[in-house]
Amino acid sequence: MEPILLSVPDACRVIGTSRSVLYELIAAGKITTRKLGRKTLIPREDLVTFATRLARGRVTFAARLAAAKRGLLPDDGGAS
């Protein structure tokens, strides 16, 4: 059975990104976290949802992240 909550390093491996990019996604509200004591955990379902939304987009993730940092993307309520 797959774990439903992943550690930060495991979540990075699942979506194939660096720790800093994962934390940027968390800060942007694209991925949520849970705390268990001092440990930060990420729901697997959030990663699946994020990857699905990313796959539907026509712009690369890096381009979207750069645009979001500059405030060039509208707030879509987490829909992208």
PDB file of N, CA and C in Angstrom:
ATOM      1  N   MET A   1       0.845  -1.186   0.000  1.00  0.00           N
ATOM      2  CA  MET A   1       0.000   0.000   0.000  1.00  0.00           C
ATOM      3  C   MET A   1       0.887   1.245   0.000  1.00  0.00           C
ATOM      4  N   GLU A   2       0.555   2.181  -0.842  1.00  0.00           N
ATOM      5  CA  GLU A   2       1.292   3.452  -0.941  1.00  0.00           C
ATOM      6  C   GLU A   2       0.946   4.346   0.254  1.00  0.00           C
ATOM      7  N   PRO A   3       1.932   5.052   0.803  1.00  0.00           N
ATOM      8  CA  PRO A   3       1.627   5.979   1.901  1.00  0.00           C
ATOM      9  C   PRO A   3       0.772   7.139   1.392  1.00  0.00           C
ATOM     10  N   ILE A   4      -0.136   7.618   2.230  1.00  0.00           N
ATOM     11  CA  ILE A   4      -0.988   8.742   1.821  1.00  0.00           C
ATOM     12  C   ILE A   4      -0.347  10.086   2.142  1.00  0.00           C
ATOM     13  N   LEU A   5       0.615  10.097   3.043  1.00  0.00           N
ATOM     14  CA  LEU A   5       1.361  11.305   3.371  1.00  0.00           C
ATOM     15  C   LEU A   5       2.840  11.041   3.115  1.00  0.00           C
ATOM     16  N   LEU A   6       3.478  11.961   2.418  1.00  0.00           N
ATOM     17  CA  LEU A   6       4.880  11.797   2.049  1.00  0.00           C
ATOM     18  C   LEU A   6       5.756  12.843   2.727  1.00  0.00           C
ATOM     19  N   SER A   7       6.972  12.456   3.044  1.00  0.00           N
ATOM     20  CA  SER A   7       7.944  13.421   3.552  1.00  0.00           C
ATOM     21  C   SER A   7       8.339  14.348   2.408  1.00  0.00           C
ATOM     22  N   VAL A   8       8.981  15.445   2.733  1.00  0.00           N
ATOM     23  CA  VAL A   8       9.422  16.397   1.703  1.00  0.00           C
ATOM     24  C   VAL A   8      10.368  15.717   0.703  1.00  0.00           C
ATOM     25  N   PRO A   9      11.390  14.982   1.147  1.00  0.00           N
ATOM     26  CA  PRO A   9      12.263  14.322   0.161  1.00  0.00           C
ATOM     27  C   PRO A   9      11.511  13.330  -0.736  1.00  0.00           C
ATOM     28  N   ASP A  10      10.576  12.575  -0.154  1.00  0.00           N
ATOM     29  CA  ASP A  10       9.803  11.625  -0.956  1.00  0.00           C
ATOM     30  C   ASP A  10       8.899  12.347  -1.953  1.00  0.00           C
ATOM     31  N   ALA A  11       8.281  13.441  -1.535  1.00  0.00           N
ATOM     32  CA  ALA A  11       7.424  14.214  -2.432  1.00  0.00           C
ATOM     33  C   ALA A  11       8.243  14.789  -3.588  1.00  0.00           C
ATOM     34  N   CYS A  12       9.454  15.231  -3.307  1.00  0.00           N
ATOM     35  CA  CYS A  12      10.339  15.742  -4.367  1.00  0.00           C
ATOM     36  C   CYS A  12      10.623  14.657  -5.395  1.00  0.00           C
ATOM     37  N   ARG A  13      10.868  13.446  -4.921  1.00  0.00           N
ATOM     38  CA  ARG A  13      11.135  12.336  -5.847  1.00  0.00           C
ATOM     39  C   ARG A  13       9.896  12.008  -6.666  1.00  0.00           C
ATOM     40  N   VAL A  14       8.723  12.036  -6.050  1.00  0.00           N
ATOM     41  CA  VAL A  14       7.485  11.693  -6.750  1.00  0.00           C
ATOM     42  C   VAL A  14       7.213  12.647  -7.900  1.00  0.00           C
ATOM     43  N   ILE A  15       7.385  13.950  -7.672  1.00  0.00           N
ATOM     44  CA  ILE A  15       7.092  14.899  -8.750  1.00  0.00           C
ATOM     45  C   ILE A  15       8.334  15.328  -9.515  1.00  0.00           C
ATOM     46  N   GLY A  16       9.488  14.799  -9.118  1.00  0.00           N
ATOM     47  CA  GLY A  16      10.712  15.049  -9.864  1.00  0.00           C
ATOM     48  C   GLY A  16      11.186  16.485  -9.827  1.00  0.00           C
ATOM     49  N   THR A  17      11.173  17.049  -8.639  1.00  0.00           N
ATOM     50  CA  THR A  17      11.606  18.436  -8.499  1.00  0.00           C
ATOM     51  C   THR A  17      12.533  18.589  -7.306  1.00  0.00           C
ATOM     52  N   SER A  18      13.102  19.744  -7.175  1.00  0.00           N
ATOM     53  CA  SER A  18      13.993  20.010  -6.049  1.00  0.00           C
ATOM     54  C   SER A  18      13.188  20.413  -4.814  1.00  0.00           C
ATOM     55  N   ARG A  19      13.850  20.377  -3.702  1.00  0.00           N
ATOM     56  CA  ARG A  19      13.238  20.777  -2.435  1.00  0.00           C
ATOM     57  C   ARG A  19      12.791  22.251  -2.486  1.00  0.00           C
ATOM     58  N   SER A  20      13.632  23.104  -3.060  1.00  0.00           N
ATOM     59  CA  SER A  20      13.285  24.528  -3.101  1.00  0.00           C
ATOM     60  C   SER A  20      12.055  24.780  -3.979  1.00  0.00           C
ATOM     61  N   VAL A  21      11.946  24.076  -5.103  1.00  0.00           N
ATOM     62  CA  VAL A  21      10.761  24.247  -5.956  1.00  0.00           C
ATOM     63  C   VAL A  21       9.521  23.724  -5.245  1.00  0.00           C
ATOM     64  N   LEU A  22       9.651  22.613  -4.534  1.00  0.00           N
ATOM     65  CA  LEU A  22       8.506  22.087  -3.785  1.00  0.00           C
ATOM     66  C   LEU A  22       8.031  23.123  -2.757  1.00  0.00           C
ATOM     67  N   TYR A  23       8.968  23.743  -2.053  1.00  0.00           N
ATOM     68  CA  TYR A  23       8.578  24.758  -1.070  1.00  0.00           C
ATOM     69  C   TYR A  23       7.966  25.989  -1.736  1.00  0.00           C
ATOM     70  N   GLU A  24       8.391  26.310  -2.948  1.00  0.00           N
ATOM     71  CA  GLU A  24       7.763  27.411  -3.690  1.00  0.00           C
ATOM     72  C   GLU A  24       6.315  27.050  -4.043  1.00  0.00           C
ATOM     73  N   LEU A  25       6.083  25.813  -4.426  1.00  0.00           N
ATOM     74  CA  LEU A  25       4.719  25.360  -4.723  1.00  0.00           C
ATOM     75  C   LEU A  25       3.849  25.408  -3.474  1.00  0.00           C
ATOM     76  N   ILE A  26       4.415  25.025  -2.354  1.00  0.00           N
ATOM     77  CA  ILE A  26       3.687  25.081  -1.086  1.00  0.00           C
ATOM     78  C   ILE A  26       3.355  26.534  -0.745  1.00  0.00           C
ATOM     79  N   ALA A  27       4.329  27.427  -0.871  1.00  0.00           N
ATOM     80  CA  ALA A  27       4.109  28.849  -0.569  1.00  0.00           C
ATOM     81  C   ALA A  27       3.059  29.454  -1.501  1.00  0.00           C
ATOM     82  N   ALA A  28       3.012  28.965  -2.750  1.00  0.00           N
ATOM     83  CA  ALA A  28       2.035  29.475  -3.727  1.00  0.00           C
ATOM     84  C   ALA A  28       0.651  28.864  -3.527  1.00  0.00           C
ATOM     85  N   GLY A  29       0.531  27.913  -2.600  1.00  0.00           N
ATOM     86  CA  GLY A  29      -0.764  27.295  -2.337  1.00  0.00           C
ATOM     87  C   GLY A  29      -1.148  26.208  -3.327  1.00  0.00           C
ATOM     88  N   LYS A  30      -0.204  25.758  -4.130  1.00  0.00           N
ATOM     89  CA  LYS A  30      -0.489  24.716  -5.120  1.00  0.00           C
ATOM     90  C   LYS A  30      -0.471  23.324  -4.504  1.00  0.00           C
ATOM     91  N   ILE A  31       0.275  23.173  -3.430  1.00  0.00           N
ATOM     92  CA  ILE A  31       0.379  21.907  -2.712  1.00  0.00           C
ATOM     93  C   ILE A  31       0.256  22.218  -1.225  1.00  0.00           C
ATOM     94  N   THR A  32      -0.543  21.424  -0.518  1.00  0.00           N
ATOM     95  CA  THR A  32      -0.732  21.659   0.917  1.00  0.00           C
ATOM     96  C   THR A  32       0.175  20.742   1.732  1.00  0.00           C
ATOM     97  N   THR A  33       0.347  21.108   2.980  1.00  0.00           N
ATOM     98  CA  THR A  33       1.155  20.306   3.894  1.00  0.00           C
ATOM     99  C   THR A  33       0.369  20.014   5.153  1.00  0.00           C
ATOM    100  N   ARG A  34       0.837  19.026   5.862  1.00  0.00           N
ATOM    101  CA  ARG A  34       0.336  18.694   7.188  1.00  0.00           C
ATOM    102  C   ARG A  34       1.561  18.573   8.085  1.00  0.00           C
ATOM    103  N   LYS A  35       1.389  18.870   9.349  1.00  0.00           N
ATOM    104  CA  LYS A  35       2.489  18.733  10.304  1.00  0.00           C
ATOM    105  C   LYS A  35       2.181  17.561  11.237  1.00  0.00           C
ATOM    106  N   LEU A  36       3.181  16.763  11.496  1.00  0.00           N
ATOM    107  CA  LEU A  36       3.104  15.694  12.482  1.00  0.00           C
ATOM    108  C   LEU A  36       4.313  15.903  13.379  1.00  0.00           C
ATOM    109  N   GLY A  37       4.066  16.571  14.502  1.00  0.00           N
ATOM    110  CA  GLY A  37       5.178  17.009  15.330  1.00  0.00           C
ATOM    111  C   GLY A  37       5.954  18.068  14.564  1.00  0.00           C
ATOM    112  N   ARG A  38       7.245  17.824  14.357  1.00  0.00           N
ATOM    113  CA  ARG A  38       8.077  18.775  13.603  1.00  0.00           C
ATOM    114  C   ARG A  38       8.187  18.404  12.133  1.00  0.00           C
ATOM    115  N   LYS A  39       7.657  17.241  11.773  1.00  0.00           N
ATOM    116  CA  LYS A  39       7.813  16.739  10.410  1.00  0.00           C
ATOM    117  C   LYS A  39       6.731  17.323   9.493  1.00  0.00           C
ATOM    118  N   THR A  40       7.158  17.780   8.315  1.00  0.00           N
ATOM    119  CA  THR A  40       6.233  18.284   7.296  1.00  0.00           C
ATOM    120  C   THR A  40       5.900  17.143   6.360  1.00  0.00           C
ATOM    121  N   LEU A  41       4.612  16.919   6.154  1.00  0.00           N
ATOM    122  CA  LEU A  41       4.139  15.849   5.282  1.00  0.00           C
ATOM    123  C   LEU A  41       3.250  16.429   4.189  1.00  0.00           C
ATOM    124  N   ILE A  42       3.284  15.807   3.027  1.00  0.00           N
ATOM    125  CA  ILE A  42       2.503  16.269   1.875  1.00  0.00           C
ATOM    126  C   ILE A  42       1.555  15.153   1.463  1.00  0.00           C
ATOM    127  N   PRO A  43       0.259  15.461   1.351  1.00  0.00           N
ATOM    128  CA  PRO A  43      -0.688  14.435   0.904  1.00  0.00           C
ATOM    129  C   PRO A  43      -0.387  13.990  -0.529  1.00  0.00           C
ATOM    130  N   ARG A  44      -0.296  12.679  -0.731  1.00  0.00           N
ATOM    131  CA  ARG A  44      -0.037  12.130  -2.059  1.00  0.00           C
ATOM    132  C   ARG A  44      -1.065  12.644  -3.063  1.00  0.00           C
ATOM    133  N   GLU A  45      -2.309  12.751  -2.650  1.00  0.00           N
ATOM    134  CA  GLU A  45      -3.370  13.210  -3.552  1.00  0.00           C
ATOM    135  C   GLU A  45      -3.094  14.621  -4.076  1.00  0.00           C
ATOM    136  N   ASP A  46      -2.496  15.472  -3.249  1.00  0.00           N
ATOM    137  CA  ASP A  46      -2.134  16.822  -3.709  1.00  0.00           C
ATOM    138  C   ASP A  46      -1.106  16.756  -4.837  1.00  0.00           C
ATOM    139  N   LEU A  47      -0.165  15.831  -4.720  1.00  0.00           N
ATOM    140  CA  LEU A  47       0.850  15.690  -5.761  1.00  0.00           C
ATOM    141  C   LEU A  47       0.248  15.169  -7.058  1.00  0.00           C
ATOM    142  N   VAL A  48      -0.683  14.227  -6.933  1.00  0.00           N
ATOM    143  CA  VAL A  48      -1.361  13.689  -8.120  1.00  0.00           C
ATOM    144  C   VAL A  48      -2.186  14.785  -8.783  1.00  0.00           C
ATOM    145  N   THR A  49      -2.918  15.551  -7.995  1.00  0.00           N
ATOM    146  CA  THR A  49      -3.730  16.642  -8.531  1.00  0.00           C
ATOM    147  C   THR A  49      -2.855  17.682  -9.216  1.00  0.00           C
ATOM    148  N   PHE A  50      -1.764  18.053  -8.575  1.00  0.00           N
ATOM    149  CA  PHE A  50      -0.849  19.030  -9.166  1.00  0.00           C
ATOM    150  C   PHE A  50      -0.298  18.526 -10.495  1.00  0.00           C
ATOM    151  N   ALA A  51       0.159  17.279 -10.523  1.00  0.00           N
ATOM    152  CA  ALA A  51       0.728  16.710 -11.747  1.00  0.00           C
ATOM    153  C   ALA A  51      -0.309  16.641 -12.857  1.00  0.00           C
ATOM    154  N   THR A  52      -1.546  16.313 -12.525  1.00  0.00           N
ATOM    155  CA  THR A  52      -2.620  16.250 -13.517  1.00  0.00           C
ATOM    156  C   THR A  52      -2.886  17.626 -14.100  1.00  0.00           C
ATOM    157  N   ARG A  53      -2.955  18.629 -13.257  1.00  0.00           N
ATOM    158  CA  ARG A  53      -3.177  19.998 -13.730  1.00  0.00           C
ATOM    159  C   ARG A  53      -2.014  20.471 -14.591  1.00  0.00           C
ATOM    160  N   LEU A  54      -0.813  20.123 -14.187  1.00  0.00           N
ATOM    161  CA  LEU A  54       0.369  20.508 -14.933  1.00  0.00           C
ATOM    162  C   LEU A  54       0.378  19.854 -16.320  1.00  0.00           C
ATOM    163  N   ALA A  55      -0.027  18.590 -16.367  1.00  0.00           N
ATOM    164  CA  ALA A  55      -0.047  17.861 -17.638  1.00  0.00           C
ATOM    165  C   ALA A  55      -1.061  18.453 -18.614  1.00  0.00           C
ATOM    166  N   ARG A  56      -2.124  19.037 -18.101  1.00  0.00           N
ATOM    167  CA  ARG A  56      -3.154  19.645 -18.953  1.00  0.00           C
ATOM    168  C   ARG A  56      -2.723  20.993 -19.516  1.00  0.00           C
ATOM    169  N   GLY A  57      -1.756  21.624 -18.865  1.00  0.00           N
ATOM    170  CA  GLY A  57      -1.311  22.951 -19.296  1.00  0.00           C
ATOM    171  C   GLY A  57      -0.451  22.878 -20.536  1.00  0.00           C
ATOM    172  N   ARG A  58      -0.400  23.980 -21.246  1.00  0.00           N
ATOM    173  CA  ARG A  58       0.418  24.049 -22.449  1.00  0.00           C
ATOM    174  C   ARG A  58       1.720  24.799 -22.204  1.00  0.00           C
ATOM    175  N   VAL A  59       1.823  25.410 -21.035  1.00  0.00           N
ATOM    176  CA  VAL A  59       3.030  26.157 -20.678  1.00  0.00           C
ATOM    177  C   VAL A  59       3.843  25.290 -19.729  1.00  0.00           C
ATOM    178  N   THR A  60       5.144  25.310 -19.862  1.00  0.00           N
ATOM    179  CA  THR A  60       5.979  24.499 -18.988  1.00  0.00           C
ATOM    180  C   THR A  60       5.868  24.985 -17.545  1.00  0.00           C
ATOM    181  N   PHE A  61       6.135  24.072 -16.640  1.00  0.00           N
ATOM    182  CA  PHE A  61       6.056  24.403 -15.228  1.00  0.00           C
ATOM    183  C   PHE A  61       7.017  25.536 -14.880  1.00  0.00           C
ATOM    184  N   ALA A  62       8.228  25.457 -15.398  1.00  0.00           N
ATOM    185  CA  ALA A  62       9.220  26.492 -15.087  1.00  0.00           C
ATOM    186  C   ALA A  62       8.745  27.861 -15.540  1.00  0.00           C
ATOM    187  N   ALA A  63       8.127  27.935 -16.716  1.00  0.00           N
ATOM    188  CA  ALA A  63       7.620  29.212 -17.225  1.00  0.00           C
ATOM    189  C   ALA A  63       6.463  29.709 -16.366  1.00  0.00           C
ATOM    190  N   ARG A  64       5.589  28.797 -15.961  1.00  0.00           N
ATOM    191  CA  ARG A  64       4.459  29.199 -15.112  1.00  0.00           C
ATOM    192  C   ARG A  64       4.950  29.693 -13.754  1.00  0.00           C
ATOM    193  N   LEU A  65       5.941  28.989 -13.187  1.00  0.00           N
ATOM    194  CA  LEU A  65       6.461  29.388 -11.886  1.00  0.00           C
ATOM    195  C   LEU A  65       7.123  30.757 -11.978  1.00  0.00           C
ATOM    196  N   ALA A  66       7.890  30.982 -13.023  1.00  0.00           N
ATOM    197  CA  ALA A  66       8.543  32.283 -13.209  1.00  0.00           C
ATOM    198  C   ALA A  66       7.507  33.384 -13.366  1.00  0.00           C
ATOM    199  N   ALA A  67       6.456  33.131 -14.138  1.00  0.00           N
ATOM    200  CA  ALA A  67       5.396  34.120 -14.332  1.00  0.00           C
ATOM    201  C   ALA A  67       4.650  34.373 -13.022  1.00  0.00           C
ATOM    202  N   ALA A  68       4.407  33.314 -12.258  1.00  0.00           N
ATOM    203  CA  ALA A  68       3.710  33.469 -10.982  1.00  0.00           C
ATOM    204  C   ALA A  68       4.528  34.305 -10.013  1.00  0.00           C
ATOM    205  N   LYS A  69       5.843  34.098 -10.010  1.00  0.00           N
ATOM    206  CA  LYS A  69       6.719  34.880  -9.130  1.00  0.00           C
ATOM    207  C   LYS A  69       6.662  36.363  -9.468  1.00  0.00           C
ATOM    208  N   ARG A  70       6.448  36.656 -10.720  1.00  0.00           N
ATOM    209  CA  ARG A  70       6.388  38.054 -11.161  1.00  0.00           C
ATOM    210  C   ARG A  70       4.968  38.620 -11.084  1.00  0.00           C
ATOM    211  N   GLY A  71       4.023  37.796 -10.614  1.00  0.00           N
ATOM    212  CA  GLY A  71       2.639  38.253 -10.505  1.00  0.00           C
ATOM    213  C   GLY A  71       1.937  38.369 -11.840  1.00  0.00           C
ATOM    214  N   LEU A  72       2.394  37.624 -12.843  1.00  0.00           N
ATOM    215  CA  LEU A  72       1.816  37.717 -14.176  1.00  0.00           C
ATOM    216  C   LEU A  72       0.679  36.747 -14.425  1.00  0.00           C
ATOM    217  N   LEU A  73       0.463  35.801 -13.499  1.00  0.00           N
ATOM    218  CA  LEU A  73      -0.636  34.862 -13.650  1.00  0.00           C
ATOM    219  C   LEU A  73      -1.765  35.254 -12.706  1.00  0.00           C
ATOM    220  N   PRO A  74      -3.008  35.191 -13.168  1.00  0.00           N
ATOM    221  CA  PRO A  74      -4.128  35.501 -12.282  1.00  0.00           C
ATOM    222  C   PRO A  74      -4.270  34.406 -11.231  1.00  0.00           C
ATOM    223  N   ASP A  75      -4.816  34.757 -10.081  1.00  0.00           N
ATOM    224  CA  ASP A  75      -5.083  33.766  -9.046  1.00  0.00           C
ATOM    225  C   ASP A  75      -6.279  32.968  -9.497  1.00  0.00           C
ATOM    226  N   ASP A  76      -6.080  31.679  -9.761  1.00  0.00           N
ATOM    227  CA  ASP A  76      -7.159  30.843 -10.263  1.00  0.00           C
ATOM    228  C   ASP A  76      -7.734  29.955  -9.159  1.00  0.00           C
ATOM    229  N   GLY A  77      -7.451  30.294  -7.938  1.00  0.00           N
ATOM    230  CA  GLY A  77      -7.975  29.526  -6.824  1.00  0.00           C
ATOM    231  C   GLY A  77      -7.388  28.125  -6.763  1.00  0.00           C
ATOM    232  N   GLY A  78      -6.186  27.944  -7.318  1.00  0.00           N
ATOM    233  CA  GLY A  78      -5.551  26.648  -7.288  1.00  0.00           C
ATOM    234  C   GLY A  78      -5.961  25.742  -8.424  1.00  0.00           C
ATOM    235  N   ALA A  79      -6.658  26.286  -9.435  1.00  0.00           N
ATOM    236  CA  ALA A  79      -7.161  25.466 -10.512  1.00  0.00           C
ATOM    237  C   ALA A  79      -6.113  25.092 -11.541  1.00  0.00           C
ATOM    238  N   SER A  80      -4.907  25.663 -11.464  1.00  0.00           N
ATOM    239  CA  SER A  80      -3.889  25.267 -12.459  1.00  0.00           C
ATOM    240  C   SER A  80      -2.669  24.688 -11.805  1.00  0.00           C
TER     241      SER A  80
END
